[in-house]
N, C-alpha and C. Protein backbone atom coordinates (compact mmCIF):
# COMPACT_ATOMS: atom_id res chain seq x y z
N MET A 1 0.85 -1.17 0.00
CA MET A 1 0.00 0.00 0.00
C MET A 1 0.90 1.24 0.00
N ILE A 2 0.57 2.19 -0.82
CA ILE A 2 1.36 3.42 -0.95
C ILE A 2 1.06 4.37 0.22
N GLY A 3 2.05 5.16 0.57
CA GLY A 3 1.88 6.17 1.62
C GLY A 3 1.27 7.44 1.04
N PRO A 4 1.17 8.49 1.85
CA PRO A 4 0.63 9.76 1.35
C PRO A 4 1.47 10.28 0.18
N VAL A 5 0.81 10.86 -0.78
CA VAL A 5 1.46 11.38 -1.97
C VAL A 5 1.28 12.89 -2.02
N GLU A 6 2.33 13.57 -2.44
CA GLU A 6 2.29 15.02 -2.59
C GLU A 6 2.80 15.39 -3.97
N ILE A 7 2.25 16.44 -4.52
CA ILE A 7 2.68 16.94 -5.82
C ILE A 7 3.34 18.30 -5.60
N VAL A 8 4.56 18.42 -6.10
CA VAL A 8 5.32 19.66 -5.96
C VAL A 8 5.63 20.17 -7.37
N THR A 9 5.39 21.44 -7.58
CA THR A 9 5.68 22.06 -8.87
C THR A 9 6.80 23.06 -8.69
N ILE A 10 7.82 22.93 -9.52
CA ILE A 10 9.00 23.78 -9.43
C ILE A 10 9.17 24.46 -10.78
N ALA A 11 9.14 25.79 -10.79
CA ALA A 11 9.26 26.55 -12.04
C ALA A 11 10.63 27.20 -12.13
N PHE A 12 11.09 27.31 -13.36
CA PHE A 12 12.37 27.96 -13.64
C PHE A 12 12.16 29.00 -14.73
N ALA A 13 12.27 30.28 -14.34
CA ALA A 13 12.16 31.35 -15.32
C ALA A 13 13.28 31.19 -16.33
N GLU A 14 12.95 31.44 -17.57
CA GLU A 14 13.92 31.34 -18.66
C GLU A 14 14.61 29.97 -18.69
N SER A 15 13.91 28.94 -18.22
CA SER A 15 14.40 27.56 -18.27
C SER A 15 15.79 27.41 -17.69
N ARG A 16 16.06 28.03 -16.56
CA ARG A 16 17.40 28.01 -15.96
C ARG A 16 17.59 26.88 -14.97
N PHE A 17 17.14 25.69 -15.27
CA PHE A 17 17.38 24.54 -14.39
C PHE A 17 18.84 24.14 -14.54
N ASP A 18 19.59 24.29 -13.47
CA ASP A 18 21.02 23.99 -13.56
C ASP A 18 21.42 22.75 -12.75
N GLY A 19 20.46 22.07 -12.19
CA GLY A 19 20.76 20.84 -11.47
C GLY A 19 21.16 21.03 -10.02
N SER A 20 21.22 22.26 -9.55
CA SER A 20 21.70 22.50 -8.20
C SER A 20 20.78 21.96 -7.10
N ILE A 21 19.53 21.70 -7.42
CA ILE A 21 18.61 21.15 -6.40
C ILE A 21 18.68 19.62 -6.33
N LEU A 22 19.36 19.01 -7.29
CA LEU A 22 19.41 17.55 -7.34
C LEU A 22 20.00 16.92 -6.09
N ALA A 23 20.99 17.55 -5.50
CA ALA A 23 21.62 16.98 -4.30
C ALA A 23 20.61 16.83 -3.17
N GLU A 24 19.75 17.82 -3.00
CA GLU A 24 18.75 17.75 -1.93
C GLU A 24 17.68 16.70 -2.23
N ILE A 25 17.24 16.65 -3.48
CA ILE A 25 16.24 15.63 -3.85
C ILE A 25 16.85 14.24 -3.67
N LYS A 26 18.08 14.07 -4.12
CA LYS A 26 18.75 12.78 -4.00
C LYS A 26 18.88 12.36 -2.54
N LYS A 27 19.22 13.30 -1.67
CA LYS A 27 19.35 13.01 -0.25
C LYS A 27 18.01 12.53 0.34
N LEU A 28 16.92 13.19 -0.04
CA LEU A 28 15.60 12.79 0.45
C LEU A 28 15.22 11.39 -0.03
N VAL A 29 15.56 11.08 -1.27
CA VAL A 29 15.26 9.76 -1.82
C VAL A 29 16.13 8.70 -1.15
N GLU A 30 17.43 8.96 -1.07
CA GLU A 30 18.36 7.96 -0.52
C GLU A 30 18.15 7.67 0.95
N THR A 31 17.64 8.64 1.70
CA THR A 31 17.38 8.43 3.12
C THR A 31 15.98 7.87 3.38
N GLY A 32 15.20 7.66 2.31
CA GLY A 32 13.88 7.06 2.46
C GLY A 32 12.80 8.01 2.92
N VAL A 33 13.06 9.29 2.88
CA VAL A 33 12.04 10.27 3.28
C VAL A 33 10.95 10.33 2.22
N ILE A 34 11.36 10.33 0.95
CA ILE A 34 10.40 10.34 -0.15
C ILE A 34 10.79 9.30 -1.19
N SER A 35 9.82 8.93 -2.00
CA SER A 35 10.04 8.14 -3.21
C SER A 35 9.35 8.89 -4.34
N ILE A 36 10.08 9.20 -5.39
CA ILE A 36 9.46 9.89 -6.52
C ILE A 36 8.69 8.84 -7.32
N VAL A 37 7.39 9.06 -7.49
CA VAL A 37 6.55 8.08 -8.16
C VAL A 37 6.04 8.55 -9.52
N ASP A 38 6.28 9.81 -9.85
CA ASP A 38 5.94 10.30 -11.17
C ASP A 38 6.56 11.69 -11.32
N ALA A 39 6.83 12.08 -12.54
CA ALA A 39 7.39 13.40 -12.79
C ALA A 39 7.24 13.74 -14.27
N ILE A 40 6.95 15.00 -14.53
CA ILE A 40 6.90 15.48 -15.91
C ILE A 40 7.56 16.85 -15.97
N VAL A 41 8.02 17.21 -17.15
CA VAL A 41 8.62 18.51 -17.38
C VAL A 41 7.78 19.22 -18.43
N VAL A 42 7.52 20.49 -18.19
CA VAL A 42 6.76 21.32 -19.12
C VAL A 42 7.64 22.49 -19.53
N HIS A 43 7.72 22.72 -20.83
CA HIS A 43 8.50 23.86 -21.33
C HIS A 43 7.62 24.67 -22.27
N LYS A 44 7.62 25.97 -22.05
CA LYS A 44 6.91 26.88 -22.96
C LYS A 44 7.98 27.73 -23.64
N ASP A 45 8.07 27.63 -24.96
CA ASP A 45 9.10 28.39 -25.66
C ASP A 45 8.69 29.85 -25.80
N ASP A 46 9.57 30.65 -26.37
CA ASP A 46 9.33 32.09 -26.47
C ASP A 46 8.10 32.43 -27.31
N ALA A 47 7.72 31.53 -28.20
CA ALA A 47 6.53 31.75 -29.03
C ALA A 47 5.25 31.29 -28.33
N GLY A 48 5.39 30.67 -27.16
CA GLY A 48 4.23 30.20 -26.42
C GLY A 48 3.86 28.76 -26.70
N ASP A 49 4.64 28.08 -27.54
CA ASP A 49 4.37 26.66 -27.82
C ASP A 49 4.82 25.83 -26.63
N VAL A 50 4.02 24.82 -26.30
CA VAL A 50 4.25 24.02 -25.09
C VAL A 50 4.72 22.62 -25.46
N GLU A 51 5.72 22.15 -24.71
CA GLU A 51 6.20 20.78 -24.85
C GLU A 51 6.07 20.11 -23.48
N ILE A 52 5.45 18.93 -23.46
CA ILE A 52 5.26 18.17 -22.23
C ILE A 52 6.03 16.86 -22.37
N LEU A 53 6.93 16.60 -21.42
CA LEU A 53 7.77 15.41 -21.52
C LEU A 53 7.83 14.66 -20.19
N GLU A 54 7.82 13.35 -20.28
CA GLU A 54 8.14 12.53 -19.13
C GLU A 54 9.65 12.63 -18.94
N LEU A 55 10.13 12.49 -17.72
CA LEU A 55 11.57 12.61 -17.47
C LEU A 55 12.39 11.66 -18.33
N ALA A 56 11.90 10.44 -18.50
CA ALA A 56 12.65 9.44 -19.25
C ALA A 56 12.82 9.82 -20.72
N GLU A 57 11.99 10.72 -21.21
CA GLU A 57 12.08 11.14 -22.61
C GLU A 57 13.18 12.17 -22.84
N ILE A 58 13.70 12.74 -21.77
CA ILE A 58 14.71 13.80 -21.89
C ILE A 58 16.08 13.16 -21.68
N THR A 59 16.79 12.96 -22.77
CA THR A 59 18.08 12.27 -22.68
C THR A 59 19.26 13.18 -22.98
N ASP A 60 18.99 14.42 -23.41
CA ASP A 60 20.08 15.33 -23.78
C ASP A 60 20.46 16.30 -22.67
N ASP A 61 19.87 16.16 -21.50
CA ASP A 61 20.14 17.05 -20.38
C ASP A 61 20.62 16.22 -19.19
N PRO A 62 21.89 16.32 -18.81
CA PRO A 62 22.41 15.46 -17.74
C PRO A 62 21.73 15.67 -16.39
N GLU A 63 21.30 16.89 -16.10
CA GLU A 63 20.61 17.15 -14.83
C GLU A 63 19.26 16.45 -14.78
N VAL A 64 18.52 16.53 -15.89
CA VAL A 64 17.22 15.86 -15.95
C VAL A 64 17.40 14.35 -15.93
N THR A 65 18.43 13.86 -16.61
CA THR A 65 18.72 12.43 -16.60
C THR A 65 19.01 11.96 -15.18
N ALA A 66 19.77 12.76 -14.42
CA ALA A 66 20.07 12.41 -13.03
C ALA A 66 18.80 12.38 -12.18
N LEU A 67 17.91 13.32 -12.42
CA LEU A 67 16.63 13.33 -11.70
C LEU A 67 15.80 12.11 -12.08
N SER A 68 15.81 11.76 -13.35
CA SER A 68 15.07 10.60 -13.84
C SER A 68 15.54 9.32 -13.17
N GLU A 69 16.84 9.23 -12.89
CA GLU A 69 17.39 8.03 -12.24
C GLU A 69 16.90 7.88 -10.80
N LEU A 70 16.34 8.94 -10.22
CA LEU A 70 15.84 8.88 -8.85
C LEU A 70 14.39 8.37 -8.77
N LEU A 71 13.75 8.21 -9.93
CA LEU A 71 12.37 7.72 -9.93
C LEU A 71 12.32 6.31 -9.36
N ALA A 72 11.49 6.12 -8.34
CA ALA A 72 11.31 4.79 -7.76
C ALA A 72 10.49 3.93 -8.71
N ARG A 73 9.53 4.55 -9.31
CA ARG A 73 8.64 3.89 -10.25
C ARG A 73 7.87 4.99 -10.96
N LEU A 74 7.18 4.65 -12.01
CA LEU A 74 6.37 5.62 -12.73
C LEU A 74 4.93 5.13 -12.68
N ASP A 75 4.16 5.74 -11.78
CA ASP A 75 2.81 5.26 -11.54
C ASP A 75 1.76 5.89 -12.45
N GLY A 76 2.12 6.88 -13.24
CA GLY A 76 1.15 7.51 -14.13
C GLY A 76 0.13 8.35 -13.38
N LEU A 77 0.52 8.87 -12.24
CA LEU A 77 -0.40 9.69 -11.45
C LEU A 77 -0.58 11.08 -12.05
N LEU A 78 0.40 11.54 -12.79
CA LEU A 78 0.31 12.84 -13.46
C LEU A 78 -0.10 12.61 -14.90
N ASN A 79 -0.85 13.56 -15.45
CA ASN A 79 -1.29 13.39 -16.83
C ASN A 79 -1.16 14.70 -17.60
N ASP A 80 -1.52 14.67 -18.87
CA ASP A 80 -1.40 15.86 -19.72
C ASP A 80 -2.25 17.01 -19.20
N GLU A 81 -3.39 16.71 -18.60
CA GLU A 81 -4.24 17.79 -18.07
C GLU A 81 -3.50 18.55 -16.96
N ASP A 82 -2.80 17.83 -16.08
CA ASP A 82 -2.00 18.48 -15.05
C ASP A 82 -0.96 19.40 -15.69
N ALA A 83 -0.30 18.88 -16.72
CA ALA A 83 0.75 19.64 -17.40
C ALA A 83 0.18 20.86 -18.13
N GLU A 84 -1.00 20.71 -18.73
CA GLU A 84 -1.61 21.83 -19.45
C GLU A 84 -2.01 22.94 -18.50
N ILE A 85 -2.51 22.58 -17.33
CA ILE A 85 -2.86 23.60 -16.33
C ILE A 85 -1.60 24.37 -15.93
N LEU A 86 -0.51 23.65 -15.71
CA LEU A 86 0.74 24.29 -15.38
C LEU A 86 1.23 25.16 -16.53
N ALA A 87 1.16 24.65 -17.74
CA ALA A 87 1.65 25.39 -18.91
C ALA A 87 0.93 26.72 -19.07
N ASP A 88 -0.37 26.73 -18.76
CA ASP A 88 -1.14 27.98 -18.87
C ASP A 88 -0.58 29.06 -17.95
N SER A 89 0.00 28.66 -16.84
CA SER A 89 0.50 29.65 -15.88
C SER A 89 1.95 30.06 -16.13
N LEU A 90 2.64 29.36 -17.02
CA LEU A 90 4.05 29.66 -17.28
C LEU A 90 4.20 30.81 -18.28
N PRO A 91 5.14 31.72 -18.01
CA PRO A 91 5.43 32.74 -19.02
C PRO A 91 6.23 32.12 -20.16
N PRO A 92 6.21 32.74 -21.33
CA PRO A 92 7.03 32.23 -22.44
C PRO A 92 8.50 32.15 -22.03
N GLY A 93 9.15 31.06 -22.46
CA GLY A 93 10.56 30.85 -22.17
C GLY A 93 10.84 30.15 -20.86
N ALA A 94 9.80 29.80 -20.12
CA ALA A 94 9.98 29.16 -18.81
C ALA A 94 9.78 27.66 -18.90
N SER A 95 10.31 26.97 -17.91
CA SER A 95 10.11 25.53 -17.77
C SER A 95 9.70 25.23 -16.35
N ALA A 96 9.08 24.08 -16.16
CA ALA A 96 8.69 23.66 -14.82
C ALA A 96 8.71 22.14 -14.76
N ALA A 97 8.92 21.65 -13.57
CA ALA A 97 8.85 20.20 -13.33
C ALA A 97 7.74 19.97 -12.31
N ILE A 98 6.97 18.94 -12.55
CA ILE A 98 5.97 18.51 -11.58
C ILE A 98 6.47 17.18 -11.03
N LEU A 99 6.74 17.14 -9.75
CA LEU A 99 7.20 15.92 -9.09
C LEU A 99 6.08 15.40 -8.21
N CYS A 100 5.77 14.15 -8.38
CA CYS A 100 4.80 13.48 -7.53
C CYS A 100 5.59 12.51 -6.68
N PHE A 101 5.54 12.71 -5.36
CA PHE A 101 6.32 11.82 -4.52
C PHE A 101 5.49 11.29 -3.36
N GLU A 102 5.88 10.09 -2.97
CA GLU A 102 5.28 9.42 -1.82
C GLU A 102 6.08 9.80 -0.59
N HIS A 103 5.39 10.09 0.49
CA HIS A 103 6.05 10.32 1.78
C HIS A 103 6.38 8.94 2.36
N SER A 104 7.49 8.38 1.93
CA SER A 104 7.89 7.03 2.33
C SER A 104 8.07 6.88 3.83
N TRP A 105 8.47 7.93 4.50
CA TRP A 105 8.72 7.86 5.94
C TRP A 105 7.46 7.54 6.72
N VAL A 106 6.29 7.81 6.15
CA VAL A 106 5.02 7.57 6.85
C VAL A 106 4.66 6.08 6.85
N VAL A 107 5.10 5.34 5.85
CA VAL A 107 4.67 3.95 5.68
C VAL A 107 4.97 3.09 6.91
N PRO A 108 6.21 3.08 7.45
CA PRO A 108 6.45 2.27 8.66
C PRO A 108 5.62 2.72 9.86
N LEU A 109 5.43 4.03 9.99
CA LEU A 109 4.60 4.54 11.08
C LEU A 109 3.15 4.09 10.91
N ARG A 110 2.64 4.20 9.69
CA ARG A 110 1.26 3.75 9.41
C ARG A 110 1.11 2.27 9.72
N ASP A 111 2.10 1.47 9.33
CA ASP A 111 2.04 0.03 9.57
C ASP A 111 2.10 -0.28 11.06
N ALA A 112 2.92 0.46 11.81
CA ALA A 112 3.01 0.27 13.26
C ALA A 112 1.70 0.64 13.94
N ILE A 113 1.08 1.71 13.47
CA ILE A 113 -0.21 2.12 14.02
C ILE A 113 -1.25 1.03 13.77
N ALA A 114 -1.27 0.49 12.55
CA ALA A 114 -2.22 -0.57 12.21
C ALA A 114 -1.95 -1.82 13.04
N ALA A 115 -0.68 -2.17 13.23
CA ALA A 115 -0.33 -3.36 14.02
C ALA A 115 -0.75 -3.20 15.48
N ALA A 116 -0.82 -1.95 15.94
CA ALA A 116 -1.24 -1.68 17.32
C ALA A 116 -2.76 -1.55 17.44
N GLY A 117 -3.47 -1.79 16.33
CA GLY A 117 -4.92 -1.74 16.35
C GLY A 117 -5.48 -0.36 16.04
N GLY A 118 -4.63 0.56 15.65
CA GLY A 118 -5.07 1.91 15.32
C GLY A 118 -5.21 2.10 13.82
N GLU A 119 -5.56 3.31 13.45
CA GLU A 119 -5.73 3.63 12.04
C GLU A 119 -5.26 5.06 11.81
N LEU A 120 -4.39 5.26 10.85
CA LEU A 120 -3.98 6.60 10.46
C LEU A 120 -5.11 7.19 9.62
N LEU A 121 -5.83 8.12 10.20
CA LEU A 121 -7.03 8.65 9.54
C LEU A 121 -6.72 9.68 8.47
N ASP A 122 -5.72 10.51 8.70
CA ASP A 122 -5.50 11.60 7.76
C ASP A 122 -4.10 12.17 7.96
N THR A 123 -3.61 12.79 6.94
CA THR A 123 -2.41 13.62 7.04
C THR A 123 -2.75 14.93 6.35
N VAL A 124 -2.27 16.02 6.91
CA VAL A 124 -2.57 17.33 6.35
C VAL A 124 -1.25 18.08 6.18
N ARG A 125 -1.04 18.63 5.03
CA ARG A 125 0.15 19.44 4.77
C ARG A 125 -0.25 20.89 4.83
N VAL A 126 0.42 21.64 5.67
CA VAL A 126 0.19 23.08 5.77
C VAL A 126 1.44 23.77 5.21
N PRO A 127 1.31 24.55 4.15
CA PRO A 127 2.48 25.20 3.56
C PRO A 127 3.20 26.10 4.56
N GLY A 128 4.53 26.10 4.50
CA GLY A 128 5.34 26.91 5.40
C GLY A 128 4.93 28.37 5.47
N PRO A 129 4.66 29.04 4.34
CA PRO A 129 4.25 30.44 4.42
C PRO A 129 2.95 30.64 5.22
N VAL A 130 2.05 29.69 5.16
CA VAL A 130 0.81 29.79 5.94
C VAL A 130 1.12 29.67 7.43
N VAL A 131 1.98 28.72 7.79
CA VAL A 131 2.38 28.56 9.19
C VAL A 131 3.06 29.83 9.68
N GLN A 132 3.95 30.39 8.87
CA GLN A 132 4.65 31.62 9.26
C GLN A 132 3.68 32.76 9.46
N GLU A 133 2.68 32.86 8.61
CA GLU A 133 1.66 33.90 8.74
C GLU A 133 0.92 33.77 10.06
N VAL A 134 0.55 32.55 10.43
CA VAL A 134 -0.14 32.32 11.70
C VAL A 134 0.78 32.67 12.87
N LEU A 135 2.04 32.22 12.82
CA LEU A 135 2.99 32.53 13.88
C LEU A 135 3.20 34.04 14.02
N ASP A 136 3.30 34.74 12.91
CA ASP A 136 3.46 36.20 12.97
C ASP A 136 2.25 36.87 13.60
N ALA A 137 1.06 36.35 13.27
CA ALA A 137 -0.18 36.92 13.85
C ALA A 137 -0.23 36.66 15.36
N VAL A 138 0.17 35.46 15.77
CA VAL A 138 0.18 35.13 17.20
C VAL A 138 1.16 36.02 17.95
N ARG A 139 2.34 36.22 17.38
CA ARG A 139 3.34 37.09 18.01
C ARG A 139 2.88 38.53 18.08
N ALA A 140 2.16 38.98 17.04
CA ALA A 140 1.66 40.36 17.01
C ALA A 140 0.62 40.59 18.10
N GLU A 141 -0.15 39.55 18.41
CA GLU A 141 -1.18 39.66 19.45
C GLU A 141 -0.59 39.60 20.85
N ALA A 142 0.59 39.01 20.99
CA ALA A 142 1.18 38.83 22.32
C ALA A 142 1.80 40.11 22.86
């Protein structure tokens, strides 16, 4: 059974993906925090034409190839509709990657909870900026 899945979208103005984030993604995968289960790349050229590619289709970019090698499996959770929605928001000349990853670290905890007769009912992700906003409001009231 798969653990909780999250979709992260990373945009690069003027398609400036230089691979510098790969070390952090690789560390998360190698330590079992996440498993990448799907990923696509969207590029909008200067004329506004859109290209949607699975990571495995990109063989001429060593950084993308390195990211592709981190895929645990390709579950097909992302589709062209997801990519088209993203493409609509990209300015001409930009690229973006959509990474779908499983929170692998939750799986042993979920299994332990089940073995103890419990049930993991839900997980909720609260974006960092939202948490910071709440903390700032609490501090302002104090």
